[in-house]
Amino acid sequence: MPKITYVSHDGIETVVDVAQNDSVMRGAVLNGIKGIVAQCGGGASCGTCHVYVDPENTKPLSQMHQVEDELLYFTACERKENSRLSCQIPVTEEQDGLVVHMPEKQL
């Protein structure tokens, strides 16, 4: 199973196994990762699973769709170049070792 590292706003790293074909958001929710609210359950309609993909990332990520792109302008914390909705990042073997950082708040 691919391992995803979730880094809280205060720097605490948690590494979890996430099943292939789950999303980075679902991996966080199933493993009790604080910092990802996922209010809409992964429907790309709330923005409460906003993450910053580690700037050193070399893992291939799915292309950002227009809905995700637009929603990232309305998240609780600043949108950055490496912002993504974790519900829109499917986990495959290629994402093994992916690191995502949580913003200060989601709501």
PDB file of N, CA and C in Angstrom:
ATOM      1  N   MET A   1       0.839  -1.179   0.000  1.00  0.00           N
ATOM      2  CA  MET A   1       0.000   0.000   0.000  1.00  0.00           C
ATOM      3  C   MET A   1       0.885   1.244   0.000  1.00  0.00           C
ATOM      4  N   PRO A   2       0.513   2.239  -0.792  1.00  0.00           N
ATOM      5  CA  PRO A   2       1.292   3.478  -0.800  1.00  0.00           C
ATOM      6  C   PRO A   2       1.229   4.188   0.553  1.00  0.00           C
ATOM      7  N   LYS A   3       2.340   4.776   0.938  1.00  0.00           N
ATOM      8  CA  LYS A   3       2.416   5.553   2.167  1.00  0.00           C
ATOM      9  C   LYS A   3       2.315   7.034   1.817  1.00  0.00           C
ATOM     10  N   ILE A   4       1.431   7.732   2.528  1.00  0.00           N
ATOM     11  CA  ILE A   4       1.258   9.172   2.360  1.00  0.00           C
ATOM     12  C   ILE A   4       1.627   9.819   3.687  1.00  0.00           C
ATOM     13  N   THR A   5       2.392  10.898   3.626  1.00  0.00           N
ATOM     14  CA  THR A   5       2.769  11.634   4.824  1.00  0.00           C
ATOM     15  C   THR A   5       1.939  12.903   4.906  1.00  0.00           C
ATOM     16  N   TYR A   6       1.251  13.063   6.018  1.00  0.00           N
ATOM     17  CA  TYR A   6       0.441  14.241   6.296  1.00  0.00           C
ATOM     18  C   TYR A   6       1.181  15.067   7.343  1.00  0.00           C
ATOM     19  N   VAL A   7       1.422  16.332   7.037  1.00  0.00           N
ATOM     20  CA  VAL A   7       2.139  17.207   7.958  1.00  0.00           C
ATOM     21  C   VAL A   7       1.164  18.261   8.471  1.00  0.00           C
ATOM     22  N   SER A   8       0.955  18.264   9.782  1.00  0.00           N
ATOM     23  CA  SER A   8       0.029  19.237  10.375  1.00  0.00           C
ATOM     24  C   SER A   8       0.630  20.632  10.284  1.00  0.00           C
ATOM     25  N   HIS A   9      -0.209  21.623  10.521  1.00  0.00           N
ATOM     26  CA  HIS A   9       0.246  23.010  10.456  1.00  0.00           C
ATOM     27  C   HIS A   9       1.382  23.277  11.443  1.00  0.00           C
ATOM     28  N   ASP A  10       1.394  22.552  12.562  1.00  0.00           N
ATOM     29  CA  ASP A  10       2.465  22.752  13.542  1.00  0.00           C
ATOM     30  C   ASP A  10       3.654  21.809  13.338  1.00  0.00           C
ATOM     31  N   GLY A  11       3.693  21.134  12.179  1.00  0.00           N
ATOM     32  CA  GLY A  11       4.873  20.359  11.798  1.00  0.00           C
ATOM     33  C   GLY A  11       4.892  18.899  12.185  1.00  0.00           C
ATOM     34  N   ILE A  12       3.835  18.388  12.765  1.00  0.00           N
ATOM     35  CA  ILE A  12       3.803  16.976  13.148  1.00  0.00           C
ATOM     36  C   ILE A  12       3.513  16.122  11.926  1.00  0.00           C
ATOM     37  N   GLU A  13       4.383  15.169  11.654  1.00  0.00           N
ATOM     38  CA  GLU A  13       4.240  14.284  10.499  1.00  0.00           C
ATOM     39  C   GLU A  13       3.578  12.975  10.908  1.00  0.00           C
ATOM     40  N   THR A  14       2.616  12.551  10.113  1.00  0.00           N
ATOM     41  CA  THR A  14       1.968  11.265  10.317  1.00  0.00           C
ATOM     42  C   THR A  14       1.997  10.527   8.989  1.00  0.00           C
ATOM     43  N   VAL A  15       2.571   9.336   8.992  1.00  0.00           N
ATOM     44  CA  VAL A  15       2.663   8.527   7.780  1.00  0.00           C
ATOM     45  C   VAL A  15       1.633   7.415   7.887  1.00  0.00           C
ATOM     46  N   VAL A  16       0.800   7.280   6.851  1.00  0.00           N
ATOM     47  CA  VAL A  16      -0.220   6.229   6.859  1.00  0.00           C
ATOM     48  C   VAL A  16      -0.230   5.484   5.528  1.00  0.00           C
ATOM     49  N   ASP A  17      -0.652   4.235   5.598  1.00  0.00           N
ATOM     50  CA  ASP A  17      -0.894   3.451   4.386  1.00  0.00           C
ATOM     51  C   ASP A  17      -2.263   3.850   3.861  1.00  0.00           C
ATOM     52  N   VAL A  18      -2.330   4.154   2.567  1.00  0.00           N
ATOM     53  CA  VAL A  18      -3.601   4.521   1.941  1.00  0.00           C
ATOM     54  C   VAL A  18      -3.843   3.552   0.788  1.00  0.00           C
ATOM     55  N   ALA A  19      -5.003   2.961   0.778  1.00  0.00           N
ATOM     56  CA  ALA A  19      -5.340   1.989  -0.265  1.00  0.00           C
ATOM     57  C   ALA A  19      -5.331   2.649  -1.639  1.00  0.00           C
ATOM     58  N   GLN A  20      -4.848   1.893  -2.603  1.00  0.00           N
ATOM     59  CA  GLN A  20      -4.884   2.386  -3.971  1.00  0.00           C
ATOM     60  C   GLN A  20      -6.326   2.654  -4.377  1.00  0.00           C
ATOM     61  N   ASN A  21      -6.501   3.672  -5.159  1.00  0.00           N
ATOM     62  CA  ASN A  21      -7.790   4.141  -5.662  1.00  0.00           C
ATOM     63  C   ASN A  21      -8.592   4.932  -4.645  1.00  0.00           C
ATOM     64  N   ASP A  22      -8.127   5.004  -3.385  1.00  0.00           N
ATOM     65  CA  ASP A  22      -8.706   5.965  -2.450  1.00  0.00           C
ATOM     66  C   ASP A  22      -8.076   7.310  -2.769  1.00  0.00           C
ATOM     67  N   SER A  23      -8.620   8.371  -2.224  1.00  0.00           N
ATOM     68  CA  SER A  23      -8.018   9.691  -2.400  1.00  0.00           C
ATOM     69  C   SER A  23      -7.141  10.009  -1.195  1.00  0.00           C
ATOM     70  N   VAL A  24      -6.295  10.998  -1.341  1.00  0.00           N
ATOM     71  CA  VAL A  24      -5.484  11.465  -0.225  1.00  0.00           C
ATOM     72  C   VAL A  24      -6.404  11.916   0.917  1.00  0.00           C
ATOM     73  N   MET A  25      -7.543  12.532   0.583  1.00  0.00           N
ATOM     74  CA  MET A  25      -8.514  12.957   1.592  1.00  0.00           C
ATOM     75  C   MET A  25      -9.095  11.759   2.339  1.00  0.00           C
ATOM     76  N   ARG A  26      -9.502  10.745   1.618  1.00  0.00           N
ATOM     77  CA  ARG A  26     -10.101   9.563   2.257  1.00  0.00           C
ATOM     78  C   ARG A  26      -9.083   8.876   3.168  1.00  0.00           C
ATOM     79  N   GLY A  27      -7.842   8.830   2.734  1.00  0.00           N
ATOM     80  CA  GLY A  27      -6.792   8.262   3.576  1.00  0.00           C
ATOM     81  C   GLY A  27      -6.669   9.000   4.893  1.00  0.00           C
ATOM     82  N   ALA A  28      -6.799  10.320   4.843  1.00  0.00           N
ATOM     83  CA  ALA A  28      -6.721  11.127   6.063  1.00  0.00           C
ATOM     84  C   ALA A  28      -7.922  10.864   6.963  1.00  0.00           C
ATOM     85  N   VAL A  29      -9.109  10.868   6.385  1.00  0.00           N
ATOM     86  CA  VAL A  29     -10.333  10.667   7.170  1.00  0.00           C
ATOM     87  C   VAL A  29     -10.340   9.283   7.815  1.00  0.00           C
ATOM     88  N   LEU A  30     -10.011   8.250   7.058  1.00  0.00           N
ATOM     89  CA  LEU A  30     -10.030   6.880   7.594  1.00  0.00           C
ATOM     90  C   LEU A  30      -8.991   6.653   8.687  1.00  0.00           C
ATOM     91  N   ASN A  31      -7.945   7.483   8.676  1.00  0.00           N
ATOM     92  CA  ASN A  31      -6.875   7.307   9.655  1.00  0.00           C
ATOM     93  C   ASN A  31      -6.873   8.382  10.742  1.00  0.00           C
ATOM     94  N   GLY A  32      -7.948   9.161  10.825  1.00  0.00           N
ATOM     95  CA  GLY A  32      -8.084  10.139  11.889  1.00  0.00           C
ATOM     96  C   GLY A  32      -7.088  11.281  11.849  1.00  0.00           C
ATOM     97  N   ILE A  33      -6.653  11.653  10.659  1.00  0.00           N
ATOM     98  CA  ILE A  33      -5.708  12.761  10.516  1.00  0.00           C
ATOM     99  C   ILE A  33      -6.443  14.075  10.768  1.00  0.00           C
ATOM    100  N   LYS A  34      -5.978  14.823  11.734  1.00  0.00           N
ATOM    101  CA  LYS A  34      -6.585  16.128  12.026  1.00  0.00           C
ATOM    102  C   LYS A  34      -6.067  17.143  11.016  1.00  0.00           C
ATOM    103  N   GLY A  35      -6.958  18.052  10.624  1.00  0.00           N
ATOM    104  CA  GLY A  35      -6.557  19.095   9.689  1.00  0.00           C
ATOM    105  C   GLY A  35      -7.224  18.978   8.342  1.00  0.00           C
ATOM    106  N   ILE A  36      -7.875  17.851   8.087  1.00  0.00           N
ATOM    107  CA  ILE A  36      -8.669  17.680   6.873  1.00  0.00           C
ATOM    108  C   ILE A  36     -10.097  17.409   7.325  1.00  0.00           C
ATOM    109  N   VAL A  37     -10.989  18.362   7.051  1.00  0.00           N
ATOM    110  CA  VAL A  37     -12.367  18.266   7.513  1.00  0.00           C
ATOM    111  C   VAL A  37     -13.212  17.410   6.570  1.00  0.00           C
ATOM    112  N   ALA A  38     -13.059  17.618   5.276  1.00  0.00           N
ATOM    113  CA  ALA A  38     -13.784  16.841   4.260  1.00  0.00           C
ATOM    114  C   ALA A  38     -15.290  16.910   4.449  1.00  0.00           C
ATOM    115  N   GLN A  39     -15.781  18.100   4.622  1.00  0.00           N
ATOM    116  CA  GLN A  39     -17.197  18.323   4.905  1.00  0.00           C
ATOM    117  C   GLN A  39     -18.127  17.740   3.840  1.00  0.00           C
ATOM    118  N   CYS A  40     -17.749  17.802   2.575  1.00  0.00           N
ATOM    119  CA  CYS A  40     -18.632  17.308   1.513  1.00  0.00           C
ATOM    120  C   CYS A  40     -18.372  15.837   1.179  1.00  0.00           C
ATOM    121  N   GLY A  41     -17.422  15.210   1.861  1.00  0.00           N
ATOM    122  CA  GLY A  41     -17.153  13.796   1.648  1.00  0.00           C
ATOM    123  C   GLY A  41     -16.410  13.459   0.377  1.00  0.00           C
ATOM    124  N   GLY A  42     -15.810  14.441  -0.242  1.00  0.00           N
ATOM    125  CA  GLY A  42     -15.008  14.170  -1.437  1.00  0.00           C
ATOM    126  C   GLY A  42     -15.653  14.588  -2.739  1.00  0.00           C
ATOM    127  N   GLY A  43     -16.675  15.410  -2.665  1.00  0.00           N
ATOM    128  CA  GLY A  43     -17.396  15.836  -3.865  1.00  0.00           C
ATOM    129  C   GLY A  43     -16.844  17.075  -4.534  1.00  0.00           C
ATOM    130  N   ALA A  44     -15.716  17.570  -4.073  1.00  0.00           N
ATOM    131  CA  ALA A  44     -15.099  18.786  -4.630  1.00  0.00           C
ATOM    132  C   ALA A  44     -16.085  19.951  -4.621  1.00  0.00           C
ATOM    133  N   SER A  45     -16.764  20.122  -3.479  1.00  0.00           N
ATOM    134  CA  SER A  45     -17.720  21.218  -3.411  1.00  0.00           C
ATOM    135  C   SER A  45     -17.574  22.080  -2.159  1.00  0.00           C
ATOM    136  N   CYS A  46     -16.631  21.749  -1.259  1.00  0.00           N
ATOM    137  CA  CYS A  46     -16.540  22.537  -0.027  1.00  0.00           C
ATOM    138  C   CYS A  46     -15.172  23.167   0.209  1.00  0.00           C
ATOM    139  N   GLY A  47     -14.118  22.563  -0.267  1.00  0.00           N
ATOM    140  CA  GLY A  47     -12.771  23.105  -0.076  1.00  0.00           C
ATOM    141  C   GLY A  47     -12.173  22.835   1.288  1.00  0.00           C
ATOM    142  N   THR A  48     -12.786  21.975   2.108  1.00  0.00           N
ATOM    143  CA  THR A  48     -12.277  21.725   3.459  1.00  0.00           C
ATOM    144  C   THR A  48     -11.289  20.558   3.523  1.00  0.00           C
ATOM    145  N   CYS A  49     -10.773  20.173   2.380  1.00  0.00           N
ATOM    146  CA  CYS A  49      -9.707  19.165   2.339  1.00  0.00           C
ATOM    147  C   CYS A  49      -8.488  19.743   1.643  1.00  0.00           C
ATOM    148  N   HIS A  50      -8.400  21.069   1.676  1.00  0.00           N
ATOM    149  CA  HIS A  50      -7.295  21.807   1.063  1.00  0.00           C
ATOM    150  C   HIS A  50      -5.967  21.359   1.671  1.00  0.00           C
ATOM    151  N   VAL A  51      -4.988  21.086   0.830  1.00  0.00           N
ATOM    152  CA  VAL A  51      -3.635  20.761   1.281  1.00  0.00           C
ATOM    153  C   VAL A  51      -2.631  21.482   0.391  1.00  0.00           C
ATOM    154  N   TYR A  52      -1.411  21.565   0.900  1.00  0.00           N
ATOM    155  CA  TYR A  52      -0.286  22.053   0.116  1.00  0.00           C
ATOM    156  C   TYR A  52       0.603  20.851  -0.173  1.00  0.00           C
ATOM    157  N   VAL A  53       0.744  20.515  -1.441  1.00  0.00           N
ATOM    158  CA  VAL A  53       1.627  19.418  -1.820  1.00  0.00           C
ATOM    159  C   VAL A  53       3.056  19.877  -1.547  1.00  0.00           C
ATOM    160  N   ASP A  54       3.848  19.013  -0.934  1.00  0.00           N
ATOM    161  CA  ASP A  54       5.214  19.376  -0.582  1.00  0.00           C
ATOM    162  C   ASP A  54       5.939  19.960  -1.794  1.00  0.00           C
ATOM    163  N   PRO A  55       6.619  21.088  -1.616  1.00  0.00           N
ATOM    164  CA  PRO A  55       7.305  21.732  -2.743  1.00  0.00           C
ATOM    165  C   PRO A  55       8.376  20.857  -3.384  1.00  0.00           C
ATOM    166  N   GLU A  56       8.881  19.886  -2.652  1.00  0.00           N
ATOM    167  CA  GLU A  56       9.910  18.980  -3.191  1.00  0.00           C
ATOM    168  C   GLU A  56       9.297  17.759  -3.893  1.00  0.00           C
ATOM    169  N   ASN A  57       7.991  17.746  -4.038  1.00  0.00           N
ATOM    170  CA  ASN A  57       7.300  16.596  -4.618  1.00  0.00           C
ATOM    171  C   ASN A  57       7.784  16.279  -6.028  1.00  0.00           C
ATOM    172  N   THR A  58       8.054  15.007  -6.260  1.00  0.00           N
ATOM    173  CA  THR A  58       8.380  14.532  -7.610  1.00  0.00           C
ATOM    174  C   THR A  58       7.383  13.473  -8.063  1.00  0.00           C
ATOM    175  N   LYS A  59       6.364  13.237  -7.240  1.00  0.00           N
ATOM    176  CA  LYS A  59       5.348  12.234  -7.564  1.00  0.00           C
ATOM    177  C   LYS A  59       4.382  12.806  -8.595  1.00  0.00           C
ATOM    178  N   PRO A  60       3.996  11.999  -9.584  1.00  0.00           N
ATOM    179  CA  PRO A  60       3.022  12.503 -10.566  1.00  0.00           C
ATOM    180  C   PRO A  60       1.652  12.658  -9.915  1.00  0.00           C
ATOM    181  N   LEU A  61       0.997  13.777 -10.181  1.00  0.00           N
ATOM    182  CA  LEU A  61      -0.341  14.024  -9.644  1.00  0.00           C
ATOM    183  C   LEU A  61      -1.328  14.125 -10.788  1.00  0.00           C
ATOM    184  N   SER A  62      -2.559  13.796 -10.492  1.00  0.00           N
ATOM    185  CA  SER A  62      -3.612  13.938 -11.499  1.00  0.00           C
ATOM    186  C   SER A  62      -3.744  15.409 -11.869  1.00  0.00           C
ATOM    187  N   GLN A  63      -4.201  15.642 -13.067  1.00  0.00           N
ATOM    188  CA  GLN A  63      -4.392  17.006 -13.543  1.00  0.00           C
ATOM    189  C   GLN A  63      -5.512  17.678 -12.757  1.00  0.00           C
ATOM    190  N   MET A  64      -5.348  18.962 -12.479  1.00  0.00           N
ATOM    191  CA  MET A  64      -6.371  19.712 -11.769  1.00  0.00           C
ATOM    192  C   MET A  64      -7.494  20.083 -12.735  1.00  0.00           C
ATOM    193  N   HIS A  65      -8.710  19.736 -12.349  1.00  0.00           N
ATOM    194  CA  HIS A  65      -9.872  20.080 -13.168  1.00  0.00           C
ATOM    195  C   HIS A  65     -10.359  21.481 -12.820  1.00  0.00           C
ATOM    196  N   GLN A  66     -11.169  22.048 -13.668  1.00  0.00           N
ATOM    197  CA  GLN A  66     -11.644  23.416 -13.527  1.00  0.00           C
ATOM    198  C   GLN A  66     -12.383  23.650 -12.207  1.00  0.00           C
ATOM    199  N   VAL A  67     -13.219  22.710 -11.800  1.00  0.00           N
ATOM    200  CA  VAL A  67     -13.980  22.872 -10.551  1.00  0.00           C
ATOM    201  C   VAL A  67     -13.020  22.998  -9.373  1.00  0.00           C
ATOM    202  N   GLU A  68     -12.034  22.126  -9.305  1.00  0.00           N
ATOM    203  CA  GLU A  68     -11.043  22.191  -8.225  1.00  0.00           C
ATOM    204  C   GLU A  68     -10.293  23.521  -8.281  1.00  0.00           C
ATOM    205  N   ASP A  69      -9.863  23.893  -9.455  1.00  0.00           N
ATOM    206  CA  ASP A  69      -9.118  25.135  -9.645  1.00  0.00           C
ATOM    207  C   ASP A  69      -9.915  26.331  -9.116  1.00  0.00           C
ATOM    208  N   GLU A  70     -11.174  26.399  -9.448  1.00  0.00           N
ATOM    209  CA  GLU A  70     -12.014  27.518  -9.006  1.00  0.00           C
ATOM    210  C   GLU A  70     -12.270  27.475  -7.504  1.00  0.00           C
ATOM    211  N   LEU A  71     -12.521  26.291  -6.963  1.00  0.00           N
ATOM    212  CA  LEU A  71     -12.826  26.164  -5.539  1.00  0.00           C
ATOM    213  C   LEU A  71     -11.638  26.553  -4.662  1.00  0.00           C
ATOM    214  N   LEU A  72     -10.438  26.348  -5.144  1.00  0.00           N
ATOM    215  CA  LEU A  72      -9.247  26.685  -4.360  1.00  0.00           C
ATOM    216  C   LEU A  72      -9.109  28.184  -4.087  1.00  0.00           C
ATOM    217  N   TYR A  73      -9.840  29.002  -4.823  1.00  0.00           N
ATOM    218  CA  TYR A  73      -9.827  30.442  -4.555  1.00  0.00           C
ATOM    219  C   TYR A  73     -10.703  30.814  -3.358  1.00  0.00           C
ATOM    220  N   PHE A  74     -11.485  29.865  -2.854  1.00  0.00           N
ATOM    221  CA  PHE A  74     -12.424  30.148  -1.770  1.00  0.00           C
ATOM    222  C   PHE A  74     -12.145  29.331  -0.513  1.00  0.00           C
ATOM    223  N   THR A  75     -10.949  28.812  -0.384  1.00  0.00           N
ATOM    224  CA  THR A  75     -10.599  28.038   0.815  1.00  0.00           C
ATOM    225  C   THR A  75     -10.299  28.983   1.970  1.00  0.00           C
ATOM    226  N   ALA A  76     -10.312  28.456   3.180  1.00  0.00           N
ATOM    227  CA  ALA A  76     -10.117  29.269   4.380  1.00  0.00           C
ATOM    228  C   ALA A  76      -8.718  29.862   4.464  1.00  0.00           C
ATOM    229  N   CYS A  77      -7.739  29.150   3.942  1.00  0.00           N
ATOM    230  CA  CYS A  77      -6.359  29.645   3.946  1.00  0.00           C
ATOM    231  C   CYS A  77      -5.913  29.935   2.523  1.00  0.00           C
ATOM    232  N   GLU A  78      -4.903  30.726   2.441  1.00  0.00           N
ATOM    233  CA  GLU A  78      -4.365  31.184   1.166  1.00  0.00           C
ATOM    234  C   GLU A  78      -4.122  30.059   0.163  1.00  0.00           C
ATOM    235  N   ARG A  79      -4.544  30.295  -1.056  1.00  0.00           N
ATOM    236  CA  ARG A  79      -4.212  29.391  -2.153  1.00  0.00           C
ATOM    237  C   ARG A  79      -2.783  29.678  -2.560  1.00  0.00           C
ATOM    238  N   LYS A  80      -2.017  28.615  -2.731  1.00  0.00           N
ATOM    239  CA  LYS A  80      -0.631  28.735  -3.179  1.00  0.00           C
ATOM    240  C   LYS A  80      -0.473  27.944  -4.470  1.00  0.00           C
ATOM    241  N   GLU A  81       0.690  28.070  -5.066  1.00  0.00           N
ATOM    242  CA  GLU A  81       0.970  27.361  -6.316  1.00  0.00           C
ATOM    243  C   GLU A  81       0.836  25.850  -6.147  1.00  0.00           C
ATOM    244  N   ASN A  82       1.120  25.350  -4.949  1.00  0.00           N
ATOM    245  CA  ASN A  82       1.079  23.910  -4.689  1.00  0.00           C
ATOM    246  C   ASN A  82      -0.204  23.468  -3.982  1.00  0.00           C
ATOM    247  N   SER A  83      -1.232  24.322  -3.979  1.00  0.00           N
ATOM    248  CA  SER A  83      -2.520  23.974  -3.366  1.00  0.00           C
ATOM    249  C   SER A  83      -3.257  22.940  -4.199  1.00  0.00           C
ATOM    250  N   ARG A  84      -3.884  22.007  -3.496  1.00  0.00           N
ATOM    251  CA  ARG A  84      -4.759  21.025  -4.135  1.00  0.00           C
ATOM    252  C   ARG A  84      -5.866  20.680  -3.152  1.00  0.00           C
ATOM    253  N   LEU A  85      -6.965  20.153  -3.684  1.00  0.00           N
ATOM    254  CA  LEU A  85      -7.978  19.540  -2.839  1.00  0.00           C
ATOM    255  C   LEU A  85      -7.586  18.077  -2.726  1.00  0.00           C
ATOM    256  N   SER A  86      -7.405  17.601  -1.504  1.00  0.00           N
ATOM    257  CA  SER A  86      -6.928  16.227  -1.333  1.00  0.00           C
ATOM    258  C   SER A  86      -7.934  15.193  -1.811  1.00  0.00           C
ATOM    259  N   CYS A  87      -9.208  15.579  -1.927  1.00  0.00           N
ATOM    260  CA  CYS A  87     -10.210  14.651  -2.459  1.00  0.00           C
ATOM    261  C   CYS A  87     -10.017  14.424  -3.955  1.00  0.00           C
ATOM    262  N   GLN A  88      -9.240  15.264  -4.592  1.00  0.00           N
ATOM    263  CA  GLN A  88      -9.032  15.168  -6.032  1.00  0.00           C
ATOM    264  C   GLN A  88      -7.668  14.592  -6.392  1.00  0.00           C
ATOM    265  N   ILE A  89      -6.989  14.019  -5.398  1.00  0.00           N
ATOM    266  CA  ILE A  89      -5.707  13.353  -5.643  1.00  0.00           C
ATOM    267  C   ILE A  89      -5.893  11.866  -5.397  1.00  0.00           C
ATOM    268  N   PRO A  90      -6.105  11.092  -6.468  1.00  0.00           N
ATOM    269  CA  PRO A  90      -6.236   9.650  -6.287  1.00  0.00           C
ATOM    270  C   PRO A  90      -4.884   9.029  -5.936  1.00  0.00           C
ATOM    271  N   VAL A  91      -4.921   8.022  -5.093  1.00  0.00           N
ATOM    272  CA  VAL A  91      -3.698   7.358  -4.657  1.00  0.00           C
ATOM    273  C   VAL A  91      -3.449   6.128  -5.528  1.00  0.00           C
ATOM    274  N   THR A  92      -2.264   6.074  -6.085  1.00  0.00           N
ATOM    275  CA  THR A  92      -1.778   4.911  -6.827  1.00  0.00           C
ATOM    276  C   THR A  92      -0.399   4.567  -6.278  1.00  0.00           C
ATOM    277  N   GLU A  93       0.191   3.495  -6.744  1.00  0.00           N
ATOM    278  CA  GLU A  93       1.550   3.134  -6.314  1.00  0.00           C
ATOM    279  C   GLU A  93       2.523   4.272  -6.586  1.00  0.00           C
ATOM    280  N   GLU A  94       2.263   5.050  -7.640  1.00  0.00           N
ATOM    281  CA  GLU A  94       3.156   6.156  -7.990  1.00  0.00           C
ATOM    282  C   GLU A  94       3.179   7.242  -6.918  1.00  0.00           C
ATOM    283  N   GLN A  95       2.140   7.330  -6.084  1.00  0.00           N
ATOM    284  CA  GLN A  95       2.097   8.346  -5.043  1.00  0.00           C
ATOM    285  C   GLN A  95       2.769   7.894  -3.749  1.00  0.00           C
ATOM    286  N   ASP A  96       3.306   6.673  -3.723  1.00  0.00           N
ATOM    287  CA  ASP A  96       3.988   6.196  -2.526  1.00  0.00           C
ATOM    288  C   ASP A  96       5.068   7.198  -2.121  1.00  0.00           C
ATOM    289  N   GLY A  97       4.968   7.716  -0.908  1.00  0.00           N
ATOM    290  CA  GLY A  97       5.934   8.702  -0.419  1.00  0.00           C
ATOM    291  C   GLY A  97       5.482  10.142  -0.579  1.00  0.00           C
ATOM    292  N   LEU A  98       4.291  10.367  -1.108  1.00  0.00           N
ATOM    293  CA  LEU A  98       3.772  11.725  -1.269  1.00  0.00           C
ATOM    294  C   LEU A  98       3.648  12.394   0.101  1.00  0.00           C
ATOM    295  N   VAL A  99       4.007  13.674   0.145  1.00  0.00           N
ATOM    296  CA  VAL A  99       3.915  14.454   1.385  1.00  0.00           C
ATOM    297  C   VAL A  99       2.973  15.635   1.121  1.00  0.00           C
ATOM    298  N   VAL A 100       1.993  15.796   2.007  1.00  0.00           N
ATOM    299  CA  VAL A 100       1.087  16.943   1.920  1.00  0.00           C
ATOM    300  C   VAL A 100       1.084  17.668   3.258  1.00  0.00           C
ATOM    301  N   HIS A 101       0.962  18.988   3.191  1.00  0.00           N
ATOM    302  CA  HIS A 101       0.942  19.841   4.377  1.00  0.00           C
ATOM    303  C   HIS A 101      -0.449  20.419   4.533  1.00  0.00           C
ATOM    304  N   MET A 102      -0.948  20.421   5.760  1.00  0.00           N
ATOM    305  CA  MET A 102      -2.256  20.978   6.039  1.00  0.00           C
ATOM    306  C   MET A 102      -2.141  22.477   6.308  1.00  0.00           C
ATOM    307  N   PRO A 103      -3.106  23.250   5.822  1.00  0.00           N
ATOM    308  CA  PRO A 103      -3.114  24.676   6.157  1.00  0.00           C
ATOM    309  C   PRO A 103      -3.493  24.880   7.623  1.00  0.00           C
ATOM    310  N   GLU A 104      -3.403  26.103   8.066  1.00  0.00           N
ATOM    311  CA  GLU A 104      -3.703  26.427   9.465  1.00  0.00           C
ATOM    312  C   GLU A 104      -5.136  26.091   9.844  1.00  0.00           C
ATOM    313  N   LYS A 105      -6.074  26.309   8.919  1.00  0.00           N
ATOM    314  CA  LYS A 105      -7.474  26.001   9.190  1.00  0.00           C
ATOM    315  C   LYS A 105      -8.177  25.635   7.884  1.00  0.00           C
ATOM    316  N   GLN A 106      -9.334  24.989   8.014  1.00  0.00           N
ATOM    317  CA  GLN A 106     -10.125  24.587   6.848  1.00  0.00           C
ATOM    318  C   GLN A 106     -11.435  25.355   6.764  1.00  0.00           C
ATOM    319  N   LEU A 107     -11.964  25.814   7.881  1.00  0.00           N
ATOM    320  CA  LEU A 107     -13.241  26.514   7.901  1.00  0.00           C
ATOM    321  C   LEU A 107     -13.050  27.958   8.302  1.00  0.00           C
TER     322      LEU A 107
END
